[in-house]
Protein backbone atom coordinates (compact mmCIF):
# COMPACT_ATOMS: atom_id res chain seq x y z
CA UNK A 1 0.00 0.00 0.00
CA UNK A 2 2.80 2.41 0.80
CA UNK A 3 4.48 2.35 -2.60
CA UNK A 4 1.13 2.73 -4.39
CA UNK A 5 0.33 5.80 -2.28
CA UNK A 6 3.73 7.29 -3.01
CA UNK A 7 3.34 6.83 -6.77
CA UNK A 8 -0.21 8.16 -6.77
CA UNK A 9 0.94 11.12 -4.69
CA UNK A 10 3.73 11.93 -7.14
CA UNK A 11 1.27 11.74 -10.06
CA UNK A 12 -1.11 14.14 -8.30
CA UNK A 13 1.77 16.50 -7.59
CA UNK A 14 2.73 16.49 -11.28
CA UNK A 15 -0.87 17.12 -12.38
CA UNK A 16 -1.17 19.89 -9.82
CA UNK A 17 2.02 21.57 -11.01
CA UNK A 18 0.76 21.34 -14.60
CA UNK A 19 -2.58 22.91 -13.71
CA UNK A 20 -0.87 25.63 -11.70
CA UNK A 21 1.48 26.55 -14.55
CA UNK A 22 -1.26 26.34 -17.19
CA UNK A 23 -3.55 28.49 -15.06
CA UNK A 24 -0.82 31.09 -14.65
CA UNK A 25 -0.19 31.13 -18.40
CA UNK A 26 -3.90 31.54 -19.18
CA UNK A 27 -4.57 33.91 -16.32
CA UNK A 28 -7.05 31.44 -14.79
CA UNK A 29 -7.01 31.82 -11.02
CA UNK A 30 -9.42 28.91 -10.64
CA UNK A 31 -7.11 26.55 -12.47
CA UNK A 32 -4.15 27.76 -10.43
CA UNK A 33 -6.01 27.07 -7.19
CA UNK A 34 -7.02 23.62 -8.45
CA UNK A 35 -3.37 22.94 -9.23
CA UNK A 36 -2.19 24.05 -5.81
CA UNK A 37 -4.81 21.86 -4.11
CA UNK A 38 -3.87 18.83 -6.25
CA UNK A 39 -0.22 19.40 -5.42
CA UNK A 40 -0.95 19.60 -1.69
CA UNK A 41 -3.07 16.44 -1.77
CA UNK A 42 -0.29 14.67 -3.65
CA UNK A 43 2.29 15.68 -1.06
CA UNK A 44 0.11 14.40 1.76
CA UNK A 45 -0.54 11.11 -0.03
CA UNK A 46 3.19 10.71 -0.71
CA UNK A 47 4.00 11.29 2.97
CA UNK A 48 1.34 8.78 4.04
CA UNK A 49 2.91 6.26 1.68
CA UNK A 50 6.32 6.82 3.27
CA UNK A 51 4.91 5.98 6.70
CA UNK A 52 3.36 2.70 5.52
């Protein structure tokens, strides 16, 4: 379970970073916020995976 959580967390972080950058490029605050939230969720999931 731990390794799966870590991988899923890294994927969410990457998606979040992509949304954040794309939102900044388009001037979409909503997309930037979505990206920051995805990134934060990914970091938490990655840390949970490390503890398992």
